[in-house]
C-alpha cells in the first residue's frame, strides 16, 4: 500500500537533469512506501534514546594525547597524506563539480582527510583544545565509512578509492590502540542517520538517486537501510577485535614512529 504523505519530486520524472533516467521509474517517482516513514521515525527516536550521557563526551588525557609526536615518522605520514588527499579532493571537485560532495564516498574521503590534517596539527595544540576532542570524535566514524566505502561502494560496485581503507587503518589504529566504545559507535550511527535524512529529504526530492537500492518507494528499502546500519555494528565489533588481537604490534609501531 502506498500513501502520498511524504515527498513530492521537485523535478520532472524524478530525475535531475535526466541524469538518473536509468533508475527504474518506480524507484524515483511516486509516494513512499507506507512503512518507511514509520521506520525512519522509530530509527531517529532510538538514536536519540541511545544518546550517551554528557559525561561520555568528556575524553580523558590519554585519549586526547593519542596522536603522533611532531616530526616523527607517523606525523610525517599524516602531513603527506593530508596534502595528497586534499589534492585528490580538489581535483575531483574541479573535474566533477561540487555536487560530488553529496555522495557518501566523498564525504568519507573528506572525513578521513580531516582526520589526517588534525592528526598532523595535534602536537602543536594545547591540551584540552577543541580540535583534539573533535579529532578523536572522528576516529571511528572515519574508519567505519572508509570500511563501508571499500567493501560496498568500491570493492563490490567499482574498485576505486581503495586507498580509503589503508589510510583509515594507518590513521585511526596505528596512531591509537584505544578500544572503540559505545560513544564511537553512536557517533558513527548518528552521522549515518544524518546522511540518510539528507539523502531522503533533499537528494531524493530533487531527483538525485545515487543509490537506488535505498529508494523509500519500496518495502525493500527498510531492509536496505537496516542492513547498512547493521554493517556499522559489525564494523565496530570487527575493528575492536583487530585492536585486541594486534594491539601489541600497534603499540610497537607507535613507539617506533
Protein backbone atom coordinates (compact mmCIF):
# COMPACT_ATOMS: atom_id res chain seq x y z
CA UNK A 1 0.00 0.00 0.00
CA UNK A 2 1.27 3.46 -0.90
CA UNK A 3 0.50 6.84 0.60
CA UNK A 4 1.17 10.37 -0.69
CA UNK A 5 2.00 11.69 2.75
CA UNK A 6 5.67 12.15 2.04
CA UNK A 7 7.87 13.69 -0.60
CA UNK A 8 6.77 15.04 -3.93
CA UNK A 9 9.54 15.25 -6.51
CA UNK A 10 10.67 18.75 -7.42
CA UNK A 11 11.95 17.75 -10.87
CA UNK A 12 10.27 16.17 -13.87
CA UNK A 13 10.07 12.38 -13.73
CA UNK A 14 12.15 12.37 -10.56
CA UNK A 15 15.43 12.57 -12.47
CA UNK A 16 17.78 15.52 -12.01
CA UNK A 17 18.52 16.92 -15.49
CA UNK A 18 17.73 13.46 -16.87
CA UNK A 19 20.90 12.06 -15.33
CA UNK A 20 19.06 9.34 -13.43
CA UNK A 21 16.70 8.10 -16.14
CA UNK A 22 18.49 4.76 -15.91
CA UNK A 23 16.95 4.21 -12.47
CA UNK A 24 13.61 2.36 -12.74
CA UNK A 25 10.77 4.87 -12.63
CA UNK A 26 9.05 3.09 -9.76
CA UNK A 27 12.12 3.83 -7.59
CA UNK A 28 12.26 7.55 -8.36
CA UNK A 29 8.65 8.65 -8.88
CA UNK A 30 5.64 8.34 -6.62
CA UNK A 31 4.85 8.22 -2.90
CA UNK A 32 6.94 6.44 -0.34
CA UNK A 33 6.13 3.01 0.95
CA UNK A 34 3.74 3.35 3.89
CA UNK A 35 6.03 1.58 6.33
CA UNK A 36 9.11 3.63 5.53
CA UNK A 37 8.29 6.93 7.31
CA UNK A 38 7.32 4.89 10.38
CA UNK A 39 10.61 3.01 10.18
CA UNK A 40 12.67 6.21 9.93
CA UNK A 41 10.76 7.83 12.81
CA UNK A 42 11.45 4.83 15.04
CA UNK A 43 15.09 4.83 13.96
CA UNK A 44 15.51 8.50 14.84
CA UNK A 45 13.75 8.03 18.19
CA UNK A 46 16.03 5.09 19.00
CA UNK A 47 19.11 7.10 18.14
CA UNK A 48 18.06 9.93 20.43
CA UNK A 49 17.16 7.47 23.19
CA UNK A 50 20.57 5.76 22.91
CA UNK A 51 22.48 9.04 23.02
CA UNK A 52 25.34 8.63 25.53
CA UNK A 53 25.39 10.63 28.72
CA UNK A 54 27.07 14.02 28.62
CA UNK A 55 29.98 12.68 30.68
CA UNK A 56 30.80 10.20 27.92
CA UNK A 57 31.82 13.07 25.65
CA UNK A 58 34.49 14.18 28.14
CA UNK A 59 37.60 12.37 26.96
CA UNK A 60 40.49 11.69 29.30
CA UNK A 61 44.07 12.84 28.84
CA UNK A 62 45.16 9.54 27.29
CA UNK A 63 42.56 9.74 24.54
CA UNK A 64 43.30 13.40 23.76
CA UNK A 65 47.03 12.73 23.57
CA UNK A 66 46.71 9.69 21.30
CA UNK A 67 48.36 11.35 18.34
CA UNK A 68 51.85 11.25 16.78
CA UNK A 69 54.57 13.47 18.15
CA UNK A 70 55.78 16.26 15.93
CA UNK A 71 58.29 15.32 13.21
CA UNK A 72 58.28 11.58 13.89
CA UNK A 73 57.50 9.12 11.08
CA UNK A 74 53.77 8.77 11.76
CA UNK A 75 53.43 12.55 11.99
CA UNK A 76 55.14 12.95 8.61
CA UNK A 77 52.81 10.30 7.21
CA UNK A 78 49.76 12.32 8.33
CA UNK A 79 51.16 15.52 6.84
CA UNK A 80 51.96 13.94 3.47
CA UNK A 81 48.71 12.01 3.16
CA UNK A 82 46.66 15.03 4.22
CA UNK A 83 48.03 17.12 1.37
CA UNK A 84 47.75 14.21 -1.07
CA UNK A 85 44.12 13.53 -0.14
CA UNK A 86 43.35 17.24 -0.29
CA UNK A 87 44.89 17.42 -3.77
CA UNK A 88 42.79 14.46 -4.95
CA UNK A 89 39.66 16.03 -3.49
CA UNK A 90 40.31 19.38 -5.18
CA UNK A 91 40.95 17.64 -8.49
CA UNK A 92 37.68 15.73 -8.18
CA UNK A 93 35.83 18.94 -7.38
CA UNK A 94 37.42 20.67 -10.37
CA UNK A 95 36.58 17.86 -12.79
CA UNK A 96 33.25 16.64 -11.43
CA UNK A 97 31.93 19.78 -9.76
CA UNK A 98 30.83 20.47 -6.16
CA UNK A 99 27.86 18.12 -6.46
CA UNK A 100 30.07 15.14 -5.67
CA UNK A 101 30.19 16.29 -2.05
CA UNK A 102 26.67 14.88 -1.73
CA UNK A 103 27.97 11.33 -2.19
CA UNK A 104 28.74 9.02 0.70
CA UNK A 105 32.13 8.17 -0.79
CA UNK A 106 33.34 11.77 -0.99
CA UNK A 107 32.01 12.58 2.46
CA UNK A 108 34.01 9.61 3.75
CA UNK A 109 37.07 10.93 1.92
CA UNK A 110 36.59 14.41 3.43
CA UNK A 111 36.22 12.95 6.92
CA UNK A 112 39.42 10.93 6.54
CA UNK A 113 41.27 13.91 5.07
CA UNK A 114 40.19 15.99 8.06
CA UNK A 115 41.43 13.27 10.42
CA UNK A 116 44.88 13.32 8.80
CA UNK A 117 45.03 17.10 8.91
CA UNK A 118 44.03 17.31 12.56
CA UNK A 119 46.42 14.49 13.49
CA UNK A 120 49.25 16.48 11.89
CA UNK A 121 48.17 19.63 13.71
CA UNK A 122 47.55 17.91 17.07
CA UNK A 123 51.13 18.08 18.50
CA UNK A 124 51.02 21.87 18.28
CA UNK A 125 47.69 22.31 20.03
CA UNK A 126 47.32 22.89 23.79
CA UNK A 127 45.85 20.13 25.91
CA UNK A 128 42.04 20.10 26.07
CA UNK A 129 41.83 22.00 22.80
CA UNK A 130 38.52 21.52 21.00
CA UNK A 131 40.21 20.23 17.84
CA UNK A 132 41.86 17.39 19.80
CA UNK A 133 38.44 16.37 21.05
CA UNK A 134 36.92 16.71 17.58
CA UNK A 135 39.71 14.64 16.05
CA UNK A 136 39.07 11.81 18.48
CA UNK A 137 35.31 12.03 17.82
CA UNK A 138 36.03 11.50 14.12
CA UNK A 139 38.18 8.42 14.71
CA UNK A 140 35.61 5.63 14.42
CA UNK A 141 33.22 7.40 12.00
CA UNK A 142 36.16 7.92 9.62
CA UNK A 143 37.22 4.27 9.91
CA UNK A 144 33.64 2.98 9.60
CA UNK A 145 32.78 4.98 6.49
CA UNK A 146 36.10 4.07 4.88
CA UNK A 147 35.46 0.38 5.60
CA UNK A 148 31.94 0.50 4.18
CA UNK A 149 33.11 2.52 1.18
CA UNK A 150 35.81 -0.05 0.47
CA UNK A 151 33.65 -3.12 0.98
CA UNK A 152 30.49 -1.99 -0.77
CA UNK A 153 30.68 1.22 -2.80
CA UNK A 154 34.13 0.41 -4.17
CA UNK A 155 35.03 -3.25 -3.77
CA UNK A 156 31.68 -4.62 -4.92
CA UNK A 157 30.43 -1.81 -7.16
CA UNK A 158 33.51 -0.02 -8.52
CA UNK A 159 37.08 -0.82 -7.41
CA UNK A 160 38.23 2.76 -6.86
CA UNK A 161 39.39 4.69 -3.83
CA UNK A 162 40.82 1.51 -2.31
CA UNK A 163 43.32 3.78 -0.57
CA UNK A 164 40.49 4.69 1.81
CA UNK A 165 40.85 1.61 3.95
CA UNK A 166 44.65 1.71 4.00
CA UNK A 167 44.78 5.34 5.08
CA UNK A 168 41.97 4.79 7.59
CA UNK A 169 43.78 1.93 9.32
CA UNK A 170 47.09 3.80 9.44
CA UNK A 171 45.45 6.95 10.78
CA UNK A 172 42.98 5.51 13.28
CA UNK A 173 44.55 2.26 14.52
CA UNK A 174 48.31 2.64 14.24
CA UNK A 175 48.28 6.05 15.96
CA UNK A 176 45.95 4.91 18.74
CA UNK A 177 45.25 1.48 20.22
CA UNK A 178 42.28 2.66 22.30
CA UNK A 179 39.36 0.28 22.04
CA UNK A 180 36.29 1.78 20.43
CA UNK A 181 33.47 2.43 22.88
CA UNK A 182 29.72 2.86 22.57
CA UNK A 183 30.21 6.60 22.10
CA UNK A 184 32.27 5.93 18.97
CA UNK A 185 29.58 3.65 17.57
CA UNK A 186 26.83 6.13 18.38
CA UNK A 187 28.68 8.96 16.64
CA UNK A 188 29.09 6.86 13.51
CA UNK A 189 25.41 5.86 13.57
CA UNK A 190 24.38 9.49 14.13
CA UNK A 191 26.42 10.52 11.08
CA UNK A 192 24.88 7.68 9.05
CA UNK A 193 21.31 8.57 10.03
CA UNK A 194 22.01 12.24 9.31
CA UNK A 195 23.18 11.31 5.83
CA UNK A 196 20.10 9.11 5.40
CA UNK A 197 17.78 12.04 6.11
CA UNK A 198 19.80 14.28 3.80
CA UNK A 199 19.56 11.64 1.07
CA UNK A 200 15.83 11.14 1.55
CA UNK A 201 14.64 14.69 2.21
CA UNK A 202 16.96 16.57 -0.15
CA UNK A 203 18.57 14.37 -2.81
CA UNK A 204 15.53 12.18 -3.39
CA UNK A 205 13.28 15.22 -3.82
CA UNK A 206 15.48 16.79 -6.46
CA UNK A 207 15.85 13.54 -8.36
CA UNK A 208 19.40 12.64 -7.38
CA UNK A 209 19.23 8.85 -6.94
CA UNK A 210 22.82 7.95 -6.16
CA UNK A 211 21.91 4.66 -4.52
CA UNK A 212 18.60 3.28 -5.93
CA UNK A 213 18.68 0.35 -3.53
CA UNK A 214 17.77 2.85 -0.78
CA UNK A 215 14.70 4.22 -2.56
CA UNK A 216 11.91 4.76 0.00
CA UNK A 217 9.27 3.76 -2.56
CA UNK A 218 9.65 0.05 -1.95
CA UNK A 219 9.41 -2.06 1.18
CA UNK A 220 12.87 -3.42 0.38
CA UNK A 221 14.28 -0.04 1.47
CA UNK A 222 13.60 -0.95 5.09
CA UNK A 223 15.82 -3.99 4.66
CA UNK A 224 18.47 -1.99 2.77
CA UNK A 225 18.78 0.74 5.38
CA UNK A 226 18.67 -1.83 8.19
CA UNK A 227 21.45 -3.83 6.55
CA UNK A 228 23.59 -0.70 6.28
CA UNK A 229 23.13 0.11 9.96
CA UNK A 230 23.84 -3.48 10.98
CA UNK A 231 27.05 -3.20 8.99
CA UNK A 232 28.13 -0.38 11.30
CA UNK A 233 27.71 -2.71 14.28
CA UNK A 234 29.72 -5.41 12.53
CA UNK A 235 32.46 -2.93 11.63
CA UNK A 236 32.53 -1.79 15.26
CA UNK A 237 32.90 -5.35 16.57
CA UNK A 238 35.34 -6.35 13.85
CA UNK A 239 37.80 -3.49 14.31
CA UNK A 240 37.66 -3.83 18.09
CA UNK A 241 38.64 -7.46 17.63
CA UNK A 242 41.52 -6.36 15.42
CA UNK A 243 42.66 -3.89 18.08
CA UNK A 244 42.52 -6.60 20.75
CA UNK A 245 44.46 -9.06 18.63
CA UNK A 246 47.02 -6.66 17.18
CA UNK A 247 47.39 -4.09 19.97
CA UNK A 248 50.99 -5.21 20.83
CA UNK A 249 52.02 -4.61 17.21
CA UNK A 250 50.21 -1.26 17.05
CA UNK A 251 51.86 -0.13 20.30
CA UNK A 252 55.27 -1.17 18.98
CA UNK A 253 54.66 0.83 15.79
CA UNK A 254 53.60 3.84 17.88
CA UNK A 255 56.80 3.62 19.92
CA UNK A 256 58.94 3.32 16.80
CA UNK A 257 57.01 6.05 14.95
